[in-house]
């Protein structure tokens, strides 16, 4: 039974990897990516709260029983 000739496998695998890399690079280069992050205008995103902006104290039921 003859042996399998593996002398060309390295060249075949390397050329396949290079070809796939080039194809993926060409596909990715078609997309338009943003150049960089842009600063957002924070004043545009401020919301009005229905509650007051001062701190409020919240009493739990356990703290109410200790006060009397």
PDB file of N, CA and C in Angstrom:
ATOM      1  N   UNK A   1       0.841  -1.174   0.000  1.00  0.00           N
ATOM      2  CA  UNK A   1       0.000   0.000   0.000  1.00  0.00           C
ATOM      3  C   UNK A   1       0.887   1.239   0.000  1.00  0.00           C
ATOM      4  N   UNK A   2       0.705   2.156  -0.958  1.00  0.00           N
ATOM      5  CA  UNK A   2       1.611   3.311  -1.030  1.00  0.00           C
ATOM      6  C   UNK A   2       1.318   4.326   0.086  1.00  0.00           C
ATOM      7  N   UNK A   3       2.352   5.041   0.449  1.00  0.00           N
ATOM      8  CA  UNK A   3       2.189   6.069   1.486  1.00  0.00           C
ATOM      9  C   UNK A   3       1.650   7.356   0.882  1.00  0.00           C
ATOM     10  N   UNK A   4       0.994   8.125   1.724  1.00  0.00           N
ATOM     11  CA  UNK A   4       0.423   9.386   1.291  1.00  0.00           C
ATOM     12  C   UNK A   4       1.532  10.433   1.226  1.00  0.00           C
ATOM     13  N   UNK A   5       1.603  11.126   0.105  1.00  0.00           N
ATOM     14  CA  UNK A   5       2.644  12.151  -0.070  1.00  0.00           C
ATOM     15  C   UNK A   5       2.188  13.448   0.603  1.00  0.00           C
ATOM     16  N   UNK A   6       2.862  13.832   1.686  1.00  0.00           N
ATOM     17  CA  UNK A   6       2.487  15.029   2.444  1.00  0.00           C
ATOM     18  C   UNK A   6       3.460  16.174   2.229  1.00  0.00           C
ATOM     19  N   UNK A   7       4.268  16.104   1.221  1.00  0.00           N
ATOM     20  CA  UNK A   7       5.281  17.138   1.021  1.00  0.00           C
ATOM     21  C   UNK A   7       4.670  18.467   0.588  1.00  0.00           C
ATOM     22  N   UNK A   8       3.524  18.453  -0.066  1.00  0.00           N
ATOM     23  CA  UNK A   8       2.919  19.696  -0.542  1.00  0.00           C
ATOM     24  C   UNK A   8       1.860  20.252   0.415  1.00  0.00           C
ATOM     25  N   UNK A   9       1.613  19.564   1.512  1.00  0.00           N
ATOM     26  CA  UNK A   9       0.564  20.007   2.424  1.00  0.00           C
ATOM     27  C   UNK A   9       0.861  21.370   3.035  1.00  0.00           C
ATOM     28  N   UNK A  10       2.098  21.626   3.388  1.00  0.00           N
ATOM     29  CA  UNK A  10       2.449  22.894   4.011  1.00  0.00           C
ATOM     30  C   UNK A  10       2.176  24.058   3.060  1.00  0.00           C
ATOM     31  N   UNK A  11       2.561  23.916   1.829  1.00  0.00           N
ATOM     32  CA  UNK A  11       2.328  24.980   0.846  1.00  0.00           C
ATOM     33  C   UNK A  11       0.829  25.168   0.608  1.00  0.00           C
ATOM     34  N   UNK A  12       0.091  24.068   0.540  1.00  0.00           N
ATOM     35  CA  UNK A  12      -1.349  24.145   0.311  1.00  0.00           C
ATOM     36  C   UNK A  12      -2.061  24.839   1.477  1.00  0.00           C
ATOM     37  N   UNK A  13      -1.699  24.462   2.699  1.00  0.00           N
ATOM     38  CA  UNK A  13      -2.343  25.048   3.876  1.00  0.00           C
ATOM     39  C   UNK A  13      -1.973  26.518   4.009  1.00  0.00           C
ATOM     40  N   UNK A  14      -0.717  26.861   3.795  1.00  0.00           N
ATOM     41  CA  UNK A  14      -0.291  28.259   3.913  1.00  0.00           C
ATOM     42  C   UNK A  14      -0.948  29.124   2.842  1.00  0.00           C
ATOM     43  N   UNK A  15      -1.051  28.633   1.629  1.00  0.00           N
ATOM     44  CA  UNK A  15      -1.692  29.421   0.572  1.00  0.00           C
ATOM     45  C   UNK A  15      -3.190  29.560   0.841  1.00  0.00           C
ATOM     46  N   UNK A  16      -3.813  28.533   1.421  1.00  0.00           N
ATOM     47  CA  UNK A  16      -5.225  28.628   1.758  1.00  0.00           C
ATOM     48  C   UNK A  16      -5.448  29.674   2.859  1.00  0.00           C
ATOM     49  N   UNK A  17      -4.594  29.691   3.867  1.00  0.00           N
ATOM     50  CA  UNK A  17      -4.718  30.669   4.953  1.00  0.00           C
ATOM     51  C   UNK A  17      -4.506  32.081   4.421  1.00  0.00           C
ATOM     52  N   UNK A  18      -3.524  32.265   3.562  1.00  0.00           N
ATOM     53  CA  UNK A  18      -3.282  33.587   2.982  1.00  0.00           C
ATOM     54  C   UNK A  18      -4.460  34.033   2.123  1.00  0.00           C
ATOM     55  N   UNK A  19      -5.024  33.125   1.346  1.00  0.00           N
ATOM     56  CA  UNK A  19      -6.165  33.463   0.506  1.00  0.00           C
ATOM     57  C   UNK A  19      -7.372  33.854   1.348  1.00  0.00           C
ATOM     58  N   UNK A  20      -7.653  33.106   2.407  1.00  0.00           N
ATOM     59  CA  UNK A  20      -8.770  33.447   3.286  1.00  0.00           C
ATOM     60  C   UNK A  20      -8.542  34.789   3.967  1.00  0.00           C
ATOM     61  N   UNK A  21      -7.308  35.054   4.382  1.00  0.00           N
ATOM     62  CA  UNK A  21      -6.995  36.331   5.015  1.00  0.00           C
ATOM     63  C   UNK A  21      -7.242  37.491   4.051  1.00  0.00           C
ATOM     64  N   UNK A  22      -6.807  37.338   2.822  1.00  0.00           N
ATOM     65  CA  UNK A  22      -6.990  38.400   1.820  1.00  0.00           C
ATOM     66  C   UNK A  22      -8.472  38.595   1.522  1.00  0.00           C
ATOM     67  N   UNK A  23      -9.227  37.513   1.420  1.00  0.00           N
ATOM     68  CA  UNK A  23     -10.662  37.626   1.142  1.00  0.00           C
ATOM     69  C   UNK A  23     -11.372  38.339   2.276  1.00  0.00           C
ATOM     70  N   UNK A  24     -11.047  37.983   3.529  1.00  0.00           N
ATOM     71  CA  UNK A  24     -11.675  38.646   4.671  1.00  0.00           C
ATOM     72  C   UNK A  24     -11.273  40.109   4.754  1.00  0.00           C
ATOM     73  N   UNK A  25     -10.040  40.417   4.448  1.00  0.00           N
ATOM     74  CA  UNK A  25      -9.612  41.809   4.468  1.00  0.00           C
ATOM     75  C   UNK A  25     -10.347  42.631   3.411  1.00  0.00           C
ATOM     76  N   UNK A  26     -10.549  42.063   2.263  1.00  0.00           N
ATOM     77  CA  UNK A  26     -11.294  42.768   1.218  1.00  0.00           C
ATOM     78  C   UNK A  26     -12.749  42.962   1.606  1.00  0.00           C
ATOM     79  N   UNK A  27     -13.335  41.962   2.257  1.00  0.00           N
ATOM     80  CA  UNK A  27     -14.726  42.100   2.687  1.00  0.00           C
ATOM     81  C   UNK A  27     -14.863  43.137   3.791  1.00  0.00           C
ATOM     82  N   UNK A  28     -13.922  43.157   4.721  1.00  0.00           N
ATOM     83  CA  UNK A  28     -14.001  44.098   5.836  1.00  0.00           C
ATOM     84  C   UNK A  28     -13.732  45.522   5.358  1.00  0.00           C
ATOM     85  N   UNK A  29     -12.897  45.686   4.355  1.00  0.00           N
ATOM     86  CA  UNK A  29     -12.563  47.036   3.893  1.00  0.00           C
ATOM     87  C   UNK A  29     -13.736  47.733   3.201  1.00  0.00           C
ATOM     88  N   UNK A  30     -14.774  47.011   2.880  1.00  0.00           N
ATOM     89  CA  UNK A  30     -15.941  47.613   2.238  1.00  0.00           C
ATOM     90  C   UNK A  30     -16.814  48.366   3.234  1.00  0.00           C
ATOM     91  N   UNK A  31     -16.686  48.069   4.534  1.00  0.00           N
ATOM     92  CA  UNK A  31     -17.529  48.704   5.542  1.00  0.00           C
ATOM     93  C   UNK A  31     -16.977  50.078   5.896  1.00  0.00           C
ATOM     94  N   UNK A  32     -17.875  50.990   6.227  1.00  0.00           N
ATOM     95  CA  UNK A  32     -17.488  52.328   6.664  1.00  0.00           C
ATOM     96  C   UNK A  32     -17.601  52.394   8.185  1.00  0.00           C
ATOM     97  N   UNK A  33     -16.471  52.456   8.850  1.00  0.00           N
ATOM     98  CA  UNK A  33     -16.453  52.536  10.296  1.00  0.00           C
ATOM     99  C   UNK A  33     -16.283  53.988  10.717  1.00  0.00           C
ATOM    100  N   UNK A  34     -16.860  54.379  11.871  1.00  0.00           N
ATOM    101  CA  UNK A  34     -16.654  55.755  12.345  1.00  0.00           C
ATOM    102  C   UNK A  34     -15.189  55.991  12.692  1.00  0.00           C
ATOM    103  N   UNK A  35     -14.750  57.235  12.494  1.00  0.00           N
ATOM    104  CA  UNK A  35     -13.341  57.546  12.710  1.00  0.00           C
ATOM    105  C   UNK A  35     -12.952  57.501  14.180  1.00  0.00           C
ATOM    106  N   UNK A  36     -13.822  57.963  15.054  1.00  0.00           N
ATOM    107  CA  UNK A  36     -13.497  57.958  16.467  1.00  0.00           C
ATOM    108  C   UNK A  36     -14.714  58.296  17.293  1.00  0.00           C
ATOM    109  N   UNK A  37     -14.598  58.137  18.590  1.00  0.00           N
ATOM    110  CA  UNK A  37     -15.748  58.474  19.435  1.00  0.00           C
ATOM    111  C   UNK A  37     -15.983  59.978  19.451  1.00  0.00           C
ATOM    112  N   UNK A  38     -17.228  60.359  19.368  1.00  0.00           N
ATOM    113  CA  UNK A  38     -17.579  61.774  19.374  1.00  0.00           C
ATOM    114  C   UNK A  38     -18.126  62.135  20.750  1.00  0.00           C
ATOM    115  N   UNK A  39     -17.816  63.321  21.210  1.00  0.00           N
ATOM    116  CA  UNK A  39     -18.345  63.750  22.494  1.00  0.00           C
ATOM    117  C   UNK A  39     -19.823  64.075  22.346  1.00  0.00           C
ATOM    118  N   UNK A  40     -20.598  63.591  23.306  1.00  0.00           N
ATOM    119  CA  UNK A  40     -22.034  63.812  23.244  1.00  0.00           C
ATOM    120  C   UNK A  40     -22.380  65.089  23.986  1.00  0.00           C
ATOM    121  N   UNK A  41     -23.411  65.735  23.518  1.00  0.00           N
ATOM    122  CA  UNK A  41     -23.893  66.925  24.176  1.00  0.00           C
ATOM    123  C   UNK A  41     -24.793  66.485  25.332  1.00  0.00           C
ATOM    124  N   UNK A  42     -24.297  66.640  26.568  1.00  0.00           N
ATOM    125  CA  UNK A  42     -25.037  66.158  27.725  1.00  0.00           C
ATOM    126  C   UNK A  42     -26.257  67.005  28.031  1.00  0.00           C
ATOM    127  N   UNK A  43     -26.269  68.236  27.586  1.00  0.00           N
ATOM    128  CA  UNK A  43     -27.411  69.094  27.873  1.00  0.00           C
ATOM    129  C   UNK A  43     -28.656  68.609  27.133  1.00  0.00           C
ATOM    130  N   UNK A  44     -28.455  67.934  26.060  1.00  0.00           N
ATOM    131  CA  UNK A  44     -29.579  67.450  25.279  1.00  0.00           C
ATOM    132  C   UNK A  44     -30.291  66.294  25.993  1.00  0.00           C
ATOM    133  N   UNK A  45     -29.577  65.561  26.836  1.00  0.00           N
ATOM    134  CA  UNK A  45     -30.127  64.365  27.444  1.00  0.00           C
ATOM    135  C   UNK A  45     -30.576  64.575  28.890  1.00  0.00           C
ATOM    136  N   UNK A  46     -30.686  65.799  29.359  1.00  0.00           N
ATOM    137  CA  UNK A  46     -31.143  66.017  30.724  1.00  0.00           C
ATOM    138  C   UNK A  46     -32.655  65.890  30.777  1.00  0.00           C
ATOM    139  N   UNK A  47     -33.117  65.149  31.784  1.00  0.00           N
ATOM    140  CA  UNK A  47     -34.535  64.910  31.942  1.00  0.00           C
ATOM    141  C   UNK A  47     -35.043  65.684  33.154  1.00  0.00           C
ATOM    142  N   UNK A  48     -36.298  66.069  33.108  1.00  0.00           N
ATOM    143  CA  UNK A  48     -36.891  66.737  34.258  1.00  0.00           C
ATOM    144  C   UNK A  48     -37.468  65.677  35.187  1.00  0.00           C
ATOM    145  N   UNK A  49     -37.120  65.771  36.464  1.00  0.00           N
ATOM    146  CA  UNK A  49     -37.581  64.799  37.438  1.00  0.00           C
ATOM    147  C   UNK A  49     -38.868  65.288  38.083  1.00  0.00           C
ATOM    148  N   UNK A  50     -39.802  64.387  38.330  1.00  0.00           N
ATOM    149  CA  UNK A  50     -41.030  64.808  39.007  1.00  0.00           C
ATOM    150  C   UNK A  50     -40.819  65.040  40.504  1.00  0.00           C
ATOM    151  N   UNK A  51     -39.678  64.627  41.039  1.00  0.00           N
ATOM    152  CA  UNK A  51     -39.388  64.829  42.447  1.00  0.00           C
ATOM    153  C   UNK A  51     -38.347  65.933  42.614  1.00  0.00           C
ATOM    154  N   UNK A  52     -38.171  66.348  43.825  1.00  0.00           N
ATOM    155  CA  UNK A  52     -37.194  67.397  44.092  1.00  0.00           C
ATOM    156  C   UNK A  52     -35.794  66.808  44.068  1.00  0.00           C
ATOM    157  N   UNK A  53     -34.820  67.656  43.811  1.00  0.00           N
ATOM    158  CA  UNK A  53     -33.449  67.157  43.687  1.00  0.00           C
ATOM    159  C   UNK A  53     -32.731  67.079  45.022  1.00  0.00           C
ATOM    160  N   UNK A  54     -33.361  67.512  46.127  1.00  0.00           N
ATOM    161  CA  UNK A  54     -32.687  67.431  47.425  1.00  0.00           C
ATOM    162  C   UNK A  54     -32.797  66.008  47.958  1.00  0.00           C
ATOM    163  N   UNK A  55     -31.938  65.693  48.938  1.00  0.00           N
ATOM    164  CA  UNK A  55     -31.935  64.368  49.541  1.00  0.00           C
ATOM    165  C   UNK A  55     -33.151  64.215  50.439  1.00  0.00           C
ATOM    166  N   UNK A  56     -33.743  63.055  50.400  1.00  0.00           N
ATOM    167  CA  UNK A  56     -34.865  62.766  51.292  1.00  0.00           C
ATOM    168  C   UNK A  56     -34.482  61.597  52.190  1.00  0.00           C
ATOM    169  N   UNK A  57     -35.034  61.581  53.397  1.00  0.00           N
ATOM    170  CA  UNK A  57     -34.730  60.515  54.341  1.00  0.00           C
ATOM    171  C   UNK A  57     -35.855  59.496  54.288  1.00  0.00           C
ATOM    172  N   UNK A  58     -35.475  58.248  54.131  1.00  0.00           N
ATOM    173  CA  UNK A  58     -36.448  57.177  54.047  1.00  0.00           C
ATOM    174  C   UNK A  58     -36.397  56.401  55.354  1.00  0.00           C
ATOM    175  N   UNK A  59     -37.540  56.264  56.004  1.00  0.00           N
ATOM    176  CA  UNK A  59     -37.611  55.542  57.263  1.00  0.00           C
ATOM    177  C   UNK A  59     -38.078  54.122  57.010  1.00  0.00           C
ATOM    178  N   UNK A  60     -37.368  53.178  57.613  1.00  0.00           N
ATOM    179  CA  UNK A  60     -37.798  51.792  57.521  1.00  0.00           C
ATOM    180  C   UNK A  60     -38.703  51.483  58.711  1.00  0.00           C
ATOM    181  N   UNK A  61     -39.522  50.463  58.625  1.00  0.00           N
ATOM    182  CA  UNK A  61     -40.419  50.133  59.746  1.00  0.00           C
ATOM    183  C   UNK A  61     -39.662  49.825  61.037  1.00  0.00           C
ATOM    184  N   UNK A  62     -38.448  49.285  60.940  1.00  0.00           N
ATOM    185  CA  UNK A  62     -37.689  48.943  62.156  1.00  0.00           C
ATOM    186  C   UNK A  62     -37.219  50.212  62.863  1.00  0.00           C
ATOM    187  N   UNK A  63     -36.860  51.251  62.125  1.00  0.00           N
ATOM    188  CA  UNK A  63     -36.393  52.457  62.772  1.00  0.00           C
ATOM    189  C   UNK A  63     -37.548  53.256  63.386  1.00  0.00           C
ATOM    190  N   UNK A  64     -38.758  53.089  62.871  1.00  0.00           N
ATOM    191  CA  UNK A  64     -39.908  53.788  63.434  1.00  0.00           C
ATOM    192  C   UNK A  64     -40.282  53.243  64.820  1.00  0.00           C
ATOM    193  N   UNK A  65     -40.122  51.950  65.038  1.00  0.00           N
ATOM    194  CA  UNK A  65     -40.477  51.357  66.322  1.00  0.00           C
ATOM    195  C   UNK A  65     -39.477  51.751  67.414  1.00  0.00           C
ATOM    196  N   UNK A  66     -38.248  52.064  67.068  1.00  0.00           N
ATOM    197  CA  UNK A  66     -37.240  52.436  68.062  1.00  0.00           C
ATOM    198  C   UNK A  66     -37.413  53.852  68.538  1.00  0.00           C
ATOM    199  N   UNK A  67     -38.074  54.716  67.805  1.00  0.00           N
ATOM    200  CA  UNK A  67     -38.189  56.116  68.182  1.00  0.00           C
ATOM    201  C   UNK A  67     -39.179  56.310  69.338  1.00  0.00           C
ATOM    202  N   UNK A  68     -40.166  55.463  69.545  1.00  0.00           N
ATOM    203  CA  UNK A  68     -41.146  55.671  70.601  1.00  0.00           C
ATOM    204  C   UNK A  68     -40.755  55.067  71.924  1.00  0.00           C
TER     205      UNK A  68
END
